[in-house]
C-alpha atoms as a PDB file:
ATOM      1  CA  MET A   1     -29.175  34.833   1.840  1.00  0.00           C
ATOM      2  CA  THR A   2     -25.583  35.865   2.498  1.00  0.00           C
ATOM      3  CA  ASP A   3     -26.064  35.560   6.245  1.00  0.00           C
ATOM      4  CA  GLN A   4     -27.529  32.075   5.808  1.00  0.00           C
ATOM      5  CA  THR A   5     -24.582  30.947   3.641  1.00  0.00           C
ATOM      6  CA  THR A   6     -22.098  32.347   6.144  1.00  0.00           C
ATOM      7  CA  SER A   7     -23.841  30.616   9.032  1.00  0.00           C
ATOM      8  CA  LEU A   8     -23.942  27.332   7.156  1.00  0.00           C
ATOM      9  CA  ALA A   9     -20.250  27.635   6.288  1.00  0.00           C
ATOM     10  CA  ALA A  10     -19.500  27.971   9.974  1.00  0.00           C
ATOM     11  CA  VAL A  11     -21.511  24.851  10.685  1.00  0.00           C
ATOM     12  CA  THR A  12     -19.876  22.869   7.895  1.00  0.00           C
ATOM     13  CA  THR A  13     -16.309  23.487   9.115  1.00  0.00           C
ATOM     14  CA  PRO A  14     -16.195  22.413  12.763  1.00  0.00           C
ATOM     15  CA  ASP A  15     -12.696  23.114  14.066  1.00  0.00           C
ATOM     16  CA  ALA A  16     -12.775  20.174  16.459  1.00  0.00           C
ATOM     17  CA  GLU A  17     -13.349  17.685  13.655  1.00  0.00           C
ATOM     18  CA  ASN A  18     -10.729  19.280  11.394  1.00  0.00           C
ATOM     19  CA  SER A  19      -8.192  18.958  14.184  1.00  0.00           C
ATOM     20  CA  VAL A  20      -8.834  15.216  14.498  1.00  0.00           C
ATOM     21  CA  SER A  21      -7.099  14.480  11.183  1.00  0.00           C
ATOM     22  CA  GLN A  22      -4.142  16.641  12.194  1.00  0.00           C
ATOM     23  CA  ARG A  23      -3.938  14.887  15.554  1.00  0.00           C
ATOM     24  CA  ILE A  24      -3.990  11.488  13.871  1.00  0.00           C
ATOM     25  CA  LEU A  25      -1.186  12.510  11.520  1.00  0.00           C
ATOM     26  CA  SER A  26       0.921  14.092  14.242  1.00  0.00           C
ATOM     27  CA  GLY A  27       0.347  11.117  16.534  1.00  0.00           C
ATOM     28  CA  ALA A  28       1.423   8.707  13.812  1.00  0.00           C
ATOM     29  CA  TRP A  29       4.439  10.845  12.833  1.00  0.00           C
ATOM     30  CA  SER A  30       5.679  10.790  16.426  1.00  0.00           C
ATOM     31  CA  SER A  31       6.258   7.035  16.139  1.00  0.00           C
ATOM     32  CA  ALA A  32       9.542   5.835  14.665  1.00  0.00           C
ATOM     33  CA  GLU A  33       7.909   3.075  12.642  1.00  0.00           C
ATOM     34  CA  PHE A  34       5.732   5.551  10.721  1.00  0.00           C
ATOM     35  CA  ARG A  35       8.753   7.677   9.809  1.00  0.00           C
ATOM     36  CA  ILE A  36      10.743   4.626   8.744  1.00  0.00           C
ATOM     37  CA  GLY A  37       7.851   3.347   6.637  1.00  0.00           C
ATOM     38  CA  PHE A  38       7.259   6.776   5.117  1.00  0.00           C
ATOM     39  CA  PHE A  39      10.870   7.358   4.048  1.00  0.00           C
ATOM     40  CA  VAL A  40      11.259   3.808   2.712  1.00  0.00           C
ATOM     41  CA  PHE A  41       8.023   4.118   0.731  1.00  0.00           C
ATOM     42  CA  VAL A  42       9.024   7.510  -0.700  1.00  0.00           C
ATOM     43  CA  PHE A  43      12.410   6.081  -1.675  1.00  0.00           C
ATOM     44  CA  MET A  44      10.816   3.111  -3.440  1.00  0.00           C
ATOM     45  CA  VAL A  45       8.392   5.366  -5.297  1.00  0.00           C
ATOM     46  CA  LEU A  46      11.135   7.772  -6.396  1.00  0.00           C
ATOM     47  CA  ILE A  47      13.455   5.097  -7.766  1.00  0.00           C
ATOM     48  CA  ALA A  48      10.533   3.399  -9.527  1.00  0.00           C
ATOM     49  CA  LEU A  49       9.526   6.678 -11.149  1.00  0.00           C
ATOM     50  CA  PHE A  50      12.882   8.192 -12.056  1.00  0.00           C
ATOM     51  CA  TYR A  51      15.488   5.425 -12.416  1.00  0.00           C
ATOM     52  CA  PRO A  52      13.939   4.005 -15.615  1.00  0.00           C
ATOM     53  CA  LEU A  53      13.840   7.525 -17.094  1.00  0.00           C
ATOM     54  CA  PHE A  54      17.608   7.980 -16.767  1.00  0.00           C
ATOM     55  CA  SER A  55      18.656   4.435 -17.644  1.00  0.00           C
ATOM     56  CA  SER A  56      19.357   3.243 -21.164  1.00  0.00           C
ATOM     57  CA  ILE A  57      18.355  -0.341 -20.342  1.00  0.00           C
ATOM     58  CA  ASP A  58      15.126  -1.629 -21.857  1.00  0.00           C
ATOM     59  CA  PRO A  59      13.234  -3.876 -19.403  1.00  0.00           C
ATOM     60  CA  ILE A  60      11.974  -6.107 -22.237  1.00  0.00           C
ATOM     61  CA  ALA A  61      15.164  -6.148 -24.352  1.00  0.00           C
ATOM     62  CA  MET A  62      16.637  -9.655 -24.539  1.00  0.00           C
ATOM     63  CA  ASP A  63      20.356 -10.461 -24.484  1.00  0.00           C
ATOM     64  CA  VAL A  64      20.856 -14.216 -24.697  1.00  0.00           C
ATOM     65  CA  ARG A  65      24.604 -13.878 -24.118  1.00  0.00           C
ATOM     66  CA  ALA A  66      23.927 -12.361 -20.675  1.00  0.00           C
ATOM     67  CA  ARG A  67      21.162 -14.779 -19.652  1.00  0.00           C
ATOM     68  CA  MET A  68      21.034 -15.775 -15.974  1.00  0.00           C
ATOM     69  CA  THR A  69      23.814 -13.397 -14.974  1.00  0.00           C
ATOM     70  CA  PRO A  70      23.951 -13.524 -11.144  1.00  0.00           C
ATOM     71  CA  PRO A  71      23.574 -10.423  -8.947  1.00  0.00           C
ATOM     72  CA  LEU A  72      26.762  -8.562  -8.083  1.00  0.00           C
ATOM     73  CA  PHE A  73      26.626  -9.521  -4.382  1.00  0.00           C
ATOM     74  CA  LEU A  74      27.169 -13.189  -5.278  1.00  0.00           C
ATOM     75  CA  GLY A  75      30.690 -12.285  -6.384  1.00  0.00           C
ATOM     76  CA  GLU A  76      30.948 -14.639  -9.372  1.00  0.00           C
ATOM     77  CA  GLY A  77      30.156 -13.848 -12.998  1.00  0.00           C
ATOM     78  CA  TRP A  78      28.311 -10.640 -12.141  1.00  0.00           C
ATOM     79  CA  SER A  79      28.155  -7.472 -14.226  1.00  0.00           C
ATOM     80  CA  TRP A  80      27.970  -3.795 -13.259  1.00  0.00           C
ATOM     81  CA  ARG A  81      25.438  -3.332 -16.049  1.00  0.00           C
ATOM     82  CA  HIS A  82      23.075  -5.764 -14.314  1.00  0.00           C
ATOM     83  CA  PRO A  83      23.550  -5.270 -10.531  1.00  0.00           C
ATOM     84  CA  LEU A  84      20.628  -7.553  -9.677  1.00  0.00           C
ATOM     85  CA  GLY A  85      21.382 -10.050 -12.431  1.00  0.00           C
ATOM     86  CA  THR A  86      19.362 -11.044 -15.480  1.00  0.00           C
ATOM     87  CA  ASP A  87      16.575 -13.508 -16.156  1.00  0.00           C
ATOM     88  CA  GLN A  88      16.388 -16.530 -18.425  1.00  0.00           C
ATOM     89  CA  LEU A  89      16.268 -14.290 -21.532  1.00  0.00           C
ATOM     90  CA  GLY A  90      18.999 -11.887 -20.459  1.00  0.00           C
ATOM     91  CA  ARG A  91      16.639  -9.091 -19.382  1.00  0.00           C
ATOM     92  CA  ASP A  92      17.848  -6.799 -16.590  1.00  0.00           C
ATOM     93  CA  MET A  93      16.227  -7.733 -13.277  1.00  0.00           C
ATOM     94  CA  LEU A  94      16.638  -4.314 -11.631  1.00  0.00           C
ATOM     95  CA  MET A  95      14.821  -2.536 -14.438  1.00  0.00           C
ATOM     96  CA  ARG A  96      12.109  -5.184 -14.619  1.00  0.00           C
ATOM     97  CA  CYS A  97      11.504  -5.004 -10.873  1.00  0.00           C
ATOM     98  CA  LEU A  98      11.272  -1.206 -10.930  1.00  0.00           C
ATOM     99  CA  VAL A  99       8.827  -1.228 -13.836  1.00  0.00           C
ATOM    100  CA  GLY A 100       6.866  -3.936 -12.053  1.00  0.00           C
ATOM    101  CA  LEU A 101       6.791  -1.743  -8.950  1.00  0.00           C
ATOM    102  CA  ARG A 102       5.396   1.096 -11.053  1.00  0.00           C
ATOM    103  CA  TYR A 103       2.496  -1.022 -12.252  1.00  0.00           C
ATOM    104  CA  SER A 104       1.899  -2.467  -8.803  1.00  0.00           C
ATOM    105  CA  LEU A 105       1.741   0.977  -7.185  1.00  0.00           C
ATOM    106  CA  LEU A 106      -0.453   2.337  -9.966  1.00  0.00           C
ATOM    107  CA  ILE A 107      -2.951  -0.499  -9.682  1.00  0.00           C
ATOM    108  CA  GLY A 108      -2.893  -0.505  -5.878  1.00  0.00           C
ATOM    109  CA  LEU A 109      -3.459   3.242  -5.504  1.00  0.00           C
ATOM    110  CA  ALA A 110      -6.056   3.488  -8.288  1.00  0.00           C
ATOM    111  CA  THR A 111      -7.964   0.512  -6.910  1.00  0.00           C
ATOM    112  CA  VAL A 112      -8.156   1.966  -3.417  1.00  0.00           C
ATOM    113  CA  LEU A 113      -9.338   5.315  -4.836  1.00  0.00           C
ATOM    114  CA  LEU A 114     -12.084   3.470  -6.739  1.00  0.00           C
ATOM    115  CA  MET A 115     -13.061   1.499  -3.632  1.00  0.00           C
ATOM    116  CA  LEU A 116     -13.167   4.694  -1.576  1.00  0.00           C
ATOM    117  CA  ALA A 117     -15.221   6.585  -4.151  1.00  0.00           C
ATOM    118  CA  VAL A 118     -17.831   3.870  -4.690  1.00  0.00           C
ATOM    119  CA  GLY A 119     -17.977   2.590  -1.114  1.00  0.00           C
ATOM    120  CA  CYS A 120     -18.150   5.992   0.535  1.00  0.00           C
ATOM    121  CA  MET A 121     -20.864   7.238  -1.837  1.00  0.00           C
ATOM    122  CA  VAL A 122     -22.987   4.128  -1.262  1.00  0.00           C
ATOM    123  CA  GLY A 123     -22.497   4.279   2.512  1.00  0.00           C
ATOM    124  CA  LEU A 124     -23.139   8.030   2.594  1.00  0.00           C
ATOM    125  CA  PHE A 125     -26.481   7.807   0.788  1.00  0.00           C
ATOM    126  CA  ALA A 126     -27.539   4.629   2.625  1.00  0.00           C
ATOM    127  CA  GLY A 127     -26.741   6.025   6.056  1.00  0.00           C
ATOM    128  CA  TYR A 128     -28.210   9.475   5.542  1.00  0.00           C
ATOM    129  CA  ARG A 129     -31.321   8.575   3.551  1.00  0.00           C
ATOM    130  CA  GLY A 130     -32.251   5.457   5.503  1.00  0.00           C
ATOM    131  CA  GLY A 131     -35.469   3.603   4.797  1.00  0.00           C
ATOM    132  CA  LEU A 132     -35.859   1.973   1.379  1.00  0.00           C
ATOM    133  CA  THR A 133     -32.660   3.558   0.029  1.00  0.00           C
ATOM    134  CA  ASP A 134     -30.658   2.066   2.888  1.00  0.00           C
ATOM    135  CA  THR A 135     -32.261  -1.359   2.454  1.00  0.00           C
ATOM    136  CA  VAL A 136     -31.662  -1.531  -1.315  1.00  0.00           C
ATOM    137  CA  LEU A 137     -28.071  -0.273  -1.168  1.00  0.00           C
ATOM    138  CA  MET A 138     -27.133  -2.575   1.703  1.00  0.00           C
ATOM    139  CA  ARG A 139     -28.631  -5.616  -0.036  1.00  0.00           C
ATOM    140  CA  ILE A 140     -26.531  -4.766  -3.109  1.00  0.00           C
ATOM    141  CA  THR A 141     -23.525  -4.496  -0.805  1.00  0.00           C
ATOM    142  CA  ASP A 142     -24.290  -7.881   0.754  1.00  0.00           C
ATOM    143  CA  ALA A 143     -24.631  -9.445  -2.702  1.00  0.00           C
ATOM    144  CA  GLN A 144     -21.260  -8.042  -3.740  1.00  0.00           C
ATOM    145  CA  LEU A 145     -19.629  -9.323  -0.544  1.00  0.00           C
ATOM    146  CA  SER A 146     -20.873 -12.833  -1.322  1.00  0.00           C
ATOM    147  CA  ILE A 147     -18.797 -13.017  -4.532  1.00  0.00           C
ATOM    148  CA  PRO A 148     -15.180 -14.112  -3.874  1.00  0.00           C
ATOM    149  CA  MET A 149     -12.557 -11.886  -5.446  1.00  0.00           C
ATOM    150  CA  ILE A 150     -10.900 -14.692  -7.403  1.00  0.00           C
ATOM    151  CA  ILE A 151     -14.235 -15.794  -8.917  1.00  0.00           C
ATOM    152  CA  LEU A 152     -14.972 -12.226  -9.970  1.00  0.00           C
ATOM    153  CA  ALA A 153     -11.480 -11.919 -11.441  1.00  0.00           C
ATOM    154  CA  ILE A 154     -11.824 -15.109 -13.482  1.00  0.00           C
ATOM    155  CA  ALA A 155     -15.285 -14.098 -14.687  1.00  0.00           C
ATOM    156  CA  ILE A 156     -14.238 -10.625 -15.868  1.00  0.00           C
ATOM    157  CA  LEU A 157     -10.603 -11.083 -16.860  1.00  0.00           C
ATOM    158  CA  GLY A 158     -11.318 -14.446 -18.478  1.00  0.00           C
ATOM    159  CA  VAL A 159     -13.681 -12.767 -20.920  1.00  0.00           C
ATOM    160  CA  ALA A 160     -12.047  -9.356 -21.274  1.00  0.00           C
ATOM    161  CA  ARG A 161      -8.381  -8.784 -22.001  1.00  0.00           C
ATOM    162  CA  PRO A 162      -6.491  -8.303 -18.681  1.00  0.00           C
ATOM    163  CA  THR A 163      -5.643  -4.625 -19.094  1.00  0.00           C
ATOM    164  CA  ILE A 164      -4.774  -2.254 -16.264  1.00  0.00           C
ATOM    165  CA  PRO A 165      -8.273  -0.632 -16.217  1.00  0.00           C
ATOM    166  CA  ALA A 166      -9.881  -4.094 -16.154  1.00  0.00           C
ATOM    167  CA  ILE A 167      -7.697  -5.215 -13.232  1.00  0.00           C
ATOM    168  CA  ILE A 168      -8.463  -2.016 -11.314  1.00  0.00           C
ATOM    169  CA  LEU A 169     -12.176  -2.576 -11.957  1.00  0.00           C
ATOM    170  CA  VAL A 170     -12.039  -6.183 -10.727  1.00  0.00           C
ATOM    171  CA  LEU A 171     -10.142  -5.353  -7.549  1.00  0.00           C
ATOM    172  CA  GLY A 172     -12.237  -2.255  -6.901  1.00  0.00           C
ATOM    173  CA  LEU A 173     -15.493  -4.175  -7.237  1.00  0.00           C
ATOM    174  CA  SER A 174     -14.252  -6.726  -4.735  1.00  0.00           C
ATOM    175  CA  GLY A 175     -13.360  -4.174  -2.046  1.00  0.00           C
ATOM    176  CA  TRP A 176     -15.830  -1.279  -2.038  1.00  0.00           C
ATOM    177  CA  PRO A 177     -18.506  -2.975   0.178  1.00  0.00           C
ATOM    178  CA  VAL A 178     -16.217  -2.756   3.211  1.00  0.00           C
ATOM    179  CA  TYR A 179     -15.967   1.019   2.848  1.00  0.00           C
ATOM    180  CA  ALA A 180     -19.718   1.268   2.249  1.00  0.00           C
ATOM    181  CA  ARG A 181     -20.462  -0.482   5.536  1.00  0.00           C
ATOM    182  CA  VAL A 182     -17.953   1.587   7.507  1.00  0.00           C
ATOM    183  CA  MET A 183     -19.197   4.867   6.028  1.00  0.00           C
ATOM    184  CA  ARG A 184     -22.831   3.926   6.650  1.00  0.00           C
ATOM    185  CA  SER A 185     -22.155   3.152  10.305  1.00  0.00           C
ATOM    186  CA  VAL A 186     -20.354   6.479  10.784  1.00  0.00           C
ATOM    187  CA  ILE A 187     -23.119   8.442   9.034  1.00  0.00           C
ATOM    188  CA  LEU A 188     -25.776   6.747  11.154  1.00  0.00           C
ATOM    189  CA  ALA A 189     -23.952   7.944  14.265  1.00  0.00           C
ATOM    190  CA  GLU A 190     -23.457  11.501  12.950  1.00  0.00           C
ATOM    191  CA  ARG A 191     -26.691  12.377  11.159  1.00  0.00           C
ATOM    192  CA  ASN A 192     -28.701  13.117  14.336  1.00  0.00           C
ATOM    193  CA  LYS A 193     -26.095  15.320  16.007  1.00  0.00           C
ATOM    194  CA  GLU A 194     -26.665  18.981  16.720  1.00  0.00           C
ATOM    195  CA  TYR A 195     -24.517  20.418  13.934  1.00  0.00           C
ATOM    196  CA  VAL A 196     -26.501  18.436  11.329  1.00  0.00           C
ATOM    197  CA  ARG A 197     -29.764  19.633  12.824  1.00  0.00           C
ATOM    198  CA  GLY A 198     -28.416  23.173  12.815  1.00  0.00           C
ATOM    199  CA  ALA A 199     -27.605  22.949   9.114  1.00  0.00           C
ATOM    200  CA  THR A 200     -31.111  21.620   8.430  1.00  0.00           C
ATOM    201  CA  VAL A 201     -32.675  24.514  10.335  1.00  0.00           C
ATOM    202  CA  LEU A 202     -30.605  26.958   8.281  1.00  0.00           C
ATOM    203  CA  GLY A 203     -32.195  25.500   5.135  1.00  0.00           C
ATOM    204  CA  ALA A 204     -29.366  23.372   3.802  1.00  0.00           C
ATOM    205  CA  SER A 205     -30.377  20.708   1.283  1.00  0.00           C
ATOM    206  CA  ASP A 206     -29.705  17.023   1.878  1.00  0.00           C
ATOM    207  CA  LEU A 207     -26.970  16.965  -0.771  1.00  0.00           C
ATOM    208  CA  ARG A 208     -25.276  19.979   0.789  1.00  0.00           C
ATOM    209  CA  ILE A 209     -25.348  18.395   4.221  1.00  0.00           C
ATOM    210  CA  MET A 210     -24.023  15.071   2.898  1.00  0.00           C
ATOM    211  CA  PHE A 211     -21.193  16.411   0.748  1.00  0.00           C
ATOM    212  CA  LEU A 212     -20.175  19.610   2.539  1.00  0.00           C
ATOM    213  CA  LEU A 213     -20.832  18.651   6.137  1.00  0.00           C
ATOM    214  CA  LEU A 214     -20.782  14.892   6.739  1.00  0.00           C
ATOM    215  CA  LEU A 215     -18.358  13.659   4.071  1.00  0.00           C
ATOM    216  CA  PRO A 216     -15.397  15.928   5.030  1.00  0.00           C
ATOM    217  CA  ILE A 217     -15.801  14.892   8.659  1.00  0.00           C
ATOM    218  CA  CYS A 218     -16.188  11.141   8.125  1.00  0.00           C
ATOM    219  CA  LEU A 219     -13.744  10.612   5.251  1.00  0.00           C
ATOM    220  CA  PRO A 220     -10.278  11.349   6.776  1.00  0.00           C
ATOM    221  CA  PRO A 221     -10.232   8.502   9.344  1.00  0.00           C
ATOM    222  CA  ILE A 222     -11.340   6.054   6.632  1.00  0.00           C
ATOM    223  CA  VAL A 223      -8.652   7.342   4.253  1.00  0.00           C
ATOM    224  CA  PHE A 224      -5.971   6.730   6.888  1.00  0.00           C
ATOM    225  CA  VAL A 225      -7.093   3.120   7.286  1.00  0.00           C
ATOM    226  CA  ALA A 226      -7.141   2.754   3.472  1.00  0.00           C
ATOM    227  CA  VAL A 227      -3.336   2.937   3.469  1.00  0.00           C
ATOM    228  CA  LEU A 228      -3.333  -0.713   4.538  1.00  0.00           C
ATOM    229  CA  ASP A 229      -5.615  -1.565   1.629  1.00  0.00           C
ATOM    230  CA  VAL A 230      -3.064  -0.256  -0.866  1.00  0.00           C
ATOM    231  CA  ALA A 231      -0.723  -3.005   0.320  1.00  0.00           C
ATOM    232  CA  ARG A 232      -3.519  -5.580   0.089  1.00  0.00           C
ATOM    233  CA  MET A 233      -4.377  -4.573  -3.482  1.00  0.00           C
ATOM    234  CA  MET A 234      -0.712  -4.783  -4.480  1.00  0.00           C
ATOM    235  CA  ILE A 235      -0.682  -8.377  -3.208  1.00  0.00           C
ATOM    236  CA  PHE A 236      -3.843  -9.203  -5.153  1.00  0.00           C
ATOM    237  CA  GLU A 237      -2.333  -7.675  -8.296  1.00  0.00           C
ATOM    238  CA  ALA A 238       0.746  -9.873  -7.902  1.00  0.00           C
ATOM    239  CA  VAL A 239      -1.456 -12.944  -7.346  1.00  0.00           C
ATOM    240  CA  LEU A 240      -3.444 -12.214 -10.510  1.00  0.00           C
ATOM    241  CA  GLY A 241      -0.203 -11.785 -12.454  1.00  0.00           C
ATOM    242  CA  PHE A 242       1.130 -15.057 -11.072  1.00  0.00           C
ATOM    243  CA  LEU A 243      -2.061 -16.835 -12.210  1.00  0.00           C
ATOM    244  CA  GLY A 244      -1.801 -15.299 -15.679  1.00  0.00           C
ATOM    245  CA  LEU A 245      -4.775 -12.956 -15.126  1.00  0.00           C
ATOM    246  CA  GLY A 246      -2.725  -9.791 -14.684  1.00  0.00           C
ATOM    247  CA  VAL A 247      -0.996  -7.471 -17.135  1.00  0.00           C
ATOM    248  CA  GLN A 248       0.268  -9.728 -19.888  1.00  0.00           C
ATOM    249  CA  PRO A 249       3.920 -10.261 -20.903  1.00  0.00           C
ATOM    250  CA  PRO A 250       6.210  -8.830 -22.141  1.00  0.00           C
ATOM    251  CA  THR A 251       5.153  -6.029 -19.754  1.00  0.00           C
ATOM    252  CA  PRO A 252       6.949  -6.879 -16.496  1.00  0.00           C
ATOM    253  CA  THR A 253       4.891  -7.124 -13.317  1.00  0.00           C
ATOM    254  CA  PHE A 254       5.755  -8.769 -10.026  1.00  0.00           C
ATOM    255  CA  GLY A 255       3.323 -11.602 -10.640  1.00  0.00           C
ATOM    256  CA  ASN A 256       4.471 -12.664 -14.093  1.00  0.00           C
ATOM    257  CA  ILE A 257       8.174 -12.241 -13.209  1.00  0.00           C
ATOM    258  CA  ILE A 258       7.776 -14.561 -10.221  1.00  0.00           C
ATOM    259  CA  ALA A 259       5.720 -17.001 -12.301  1.00  0.00           C
ATOM    260  CA  ASP A 260       8.484 -17.183 -14.923  1.00  0.00           C
ATOM    261  CA  GLY A 261      11.247 -17.416 -12.330  1.00  0.00           C
ATOM    262  CA  ARG A 262       9.789 -20.363 -10.412  1.00  0.00           C
ATOM    263  CA  LYS A 263      11.064 -22.667 -13.190  1.00  0.00           C
ATOM    264  CA  TYR A 264      14.633 -21.584 -12.470  1.00  0.00           C
ATOM    265  CA  LEU A 265      14.721 -21.598  -8.674  1.00  0.00           C
ATOM    266  CA  VAL A 266      17.616 -24.060  -8.602  1.00  0.00           C
ATOM    267  CA  ASN A 267      19.890 -22.413 -11.177  1.00  0.00           C
ATOM    268  CA  ALA A 268      18.785 -18.757 -11.015  1.00  0.00           C
ATOM    269  CA  TRP A 269      16.850 -18.204  -7.804  1.00  0.00           C
ATOM    270  CA  TRP A 270      17.190 -14.407  -8.049  1.00  0.00           C
ATOM    271  CA  ILE A 271      14.675 -14.240 -10.935  1.00  0.00           C
ATOM    272  CA  ALA A 272      11.787 -15.066  -8.614  1.00  0.00           C
ATOM    273  CA  THR A 273      13.374 -13.658  -5.450  1.00  0.00           C
ATOM    274  CA  MET A 274      14.185 -10.095  -6.533  1.00  0.00           C
ATOM    275  CA  PRO A 275      10.616  -9.016  -7.340  1.00  0.00           C
ATOM    276  CA  GLY A 276       9.520 -10.671  -4.109  1.00  0.00           C
ATOM    277  CA  ILE A 277      12.034  -8.563  -2.161  1.00  0.00           C
ATOM    278  CA  PHE A 278      10.860  -5.341  -3.857  1.00  0.00           C
ATOM    279  CA  LEU A 279       7.259  -6.245  -3.085  1.00  0.00           C
ATOM    280  CA  LEU A 280       8.128  -7.168   0.514  1.00  0.00           C
ATOM    281  CA  VAL A 281       9.935  -3.883   1.213  1.00  0.00           C
ATOM    282  CA  THR A 282       7.131  -1.789  -0.301  1.00  0.00           C
ATOM    283  CA  LEU A 283       4.407  -3.677   1.546  1.00  0.00           C
ATOM    284  CA  LEU A 284       6.342  -3.504   4.813  1.00  0.00           C
ATOM    285  CA  SER A 285       6.671   0.278   4.523  1.00  0.00           C
ATOM    286  CA  LEU A 286       2.944   0.652   3.811  1.00  0.00           C
ATOM    287  CA  ASN A 287       2.019  -1.606   6.711  1.00  0.00           C
ATOM    288  CA  LEU A 288       4.265   0.329   9.088  1.00  0.00           C
ATOM    289  CA  MET A 289       2.546   3.580   8.092  1.00  0.00           C
ATOM    290  CA  GLY A 290      -0.934   2.092   8.146  1.00  0.00           C
ATOM    291  CA  ALA A 291      -0.472   0.442  11.537  1.00  0.00           C
ATOM    292  CA  ALA A 292       0.863   3.681  13.068  1.00  0.00           C
ATOM    293  CA  LEU A 293      -2.057   5.681  11.630  1.00  0.00           C
ATOM    294  CA  GLU A 294      -4.572   3.152  12.885  1.00  0.00           C
ATOM    295  CA  ARG A 295      -3.097   3.146  16.394  1.00  0.00           C
ATOM    296  CA  ALA A 296      -3.124   6.950  16.472  1.00  0.00           C
ATOM    297  CA  ARG A 297      -6.736   6.957  15.288  1.00  0.00           C
ATOM    298  CA  ASN A 298      -7.766   4.418  17.915  1.00  0.00           C
ATOM    299  CA  ARG A 299      -6.053   6.395  20.677  1.00  0.00           C
ATOM    300  CA  ILE A 300      -7.833   9.611  19.697  1.00  0.00           C
ATOM    301  CA  TYR A 301     -11.275   8.100  19.173  1.00  0.00           C
ATOM    302  CA  GLY A 302     -10.840   6.006  22.298  1.00  0.00           C
ATOM    303  CA  GLY A 303     -10.328   9.156  24.335  1.00  0.00           C
ATOM    304  CA  LEU A 304      -6.744   8.388  25.258  1.00  0.00           C
ATOM    305  CA  GLU A 305      -5.453  11.645  23.749  1.00  0.00           C
END
């Protein structure tokens, strides 16, 4: 029994496949755009996490006397206490944007994790089992793909209160079929290879082969591509907030800040612009990293490296 377990462990950890993830990462890191995106993203995450902890400013505290204070770079009527100005109720824009970035990152990352978990499990079982299991799971996937995200959001968030778990659920349900299809196609290509047959001969169960052999090999390239989906989910979260289907005020999010600020574009344009700039910088950093990872992955799987 011990010899069989040892032999199976050797089969389930192919060095060539483990090195692929490292090669993708090193190939991406060698590009300047990945490093720029990485450091910008880390900076944005750190200030969003720690600046509100050390600041005495409340993002929802109103100060009517300081309403519509302009940012300090405009050079007229600005205040050191509010370097990015204040909104129509005197709330600090810097603090509100950082708290909004927190929620946006939380929802974006959690949504992609949910999409990965559900999609990869469905694709793994459909691709490996085949037959009736594959047919049923893929028809469910097709049915889910036929429902537009905004319709699903209105249906769920219109009935339930738009809380963070509800928003994550809505966005996750709209995106997992893509991962299911990608995982299924990869599993279909891998399940008949020699190392899978070797594990079967050694007596490994189907679950052991799926979760200890196929999943670790097929998951890393999909995870790298999922970086781009974090940016996409952050955009969807902002859109839902703008439509009033996101986290409800007074909690600041990018969507509801921009929605409130559009009424004051003439007199206080920074209310709607500042959260847009924070969102733009964060999304740009994620897209730089995701594009570099995808190019490195394509080079390796295309046989160019």
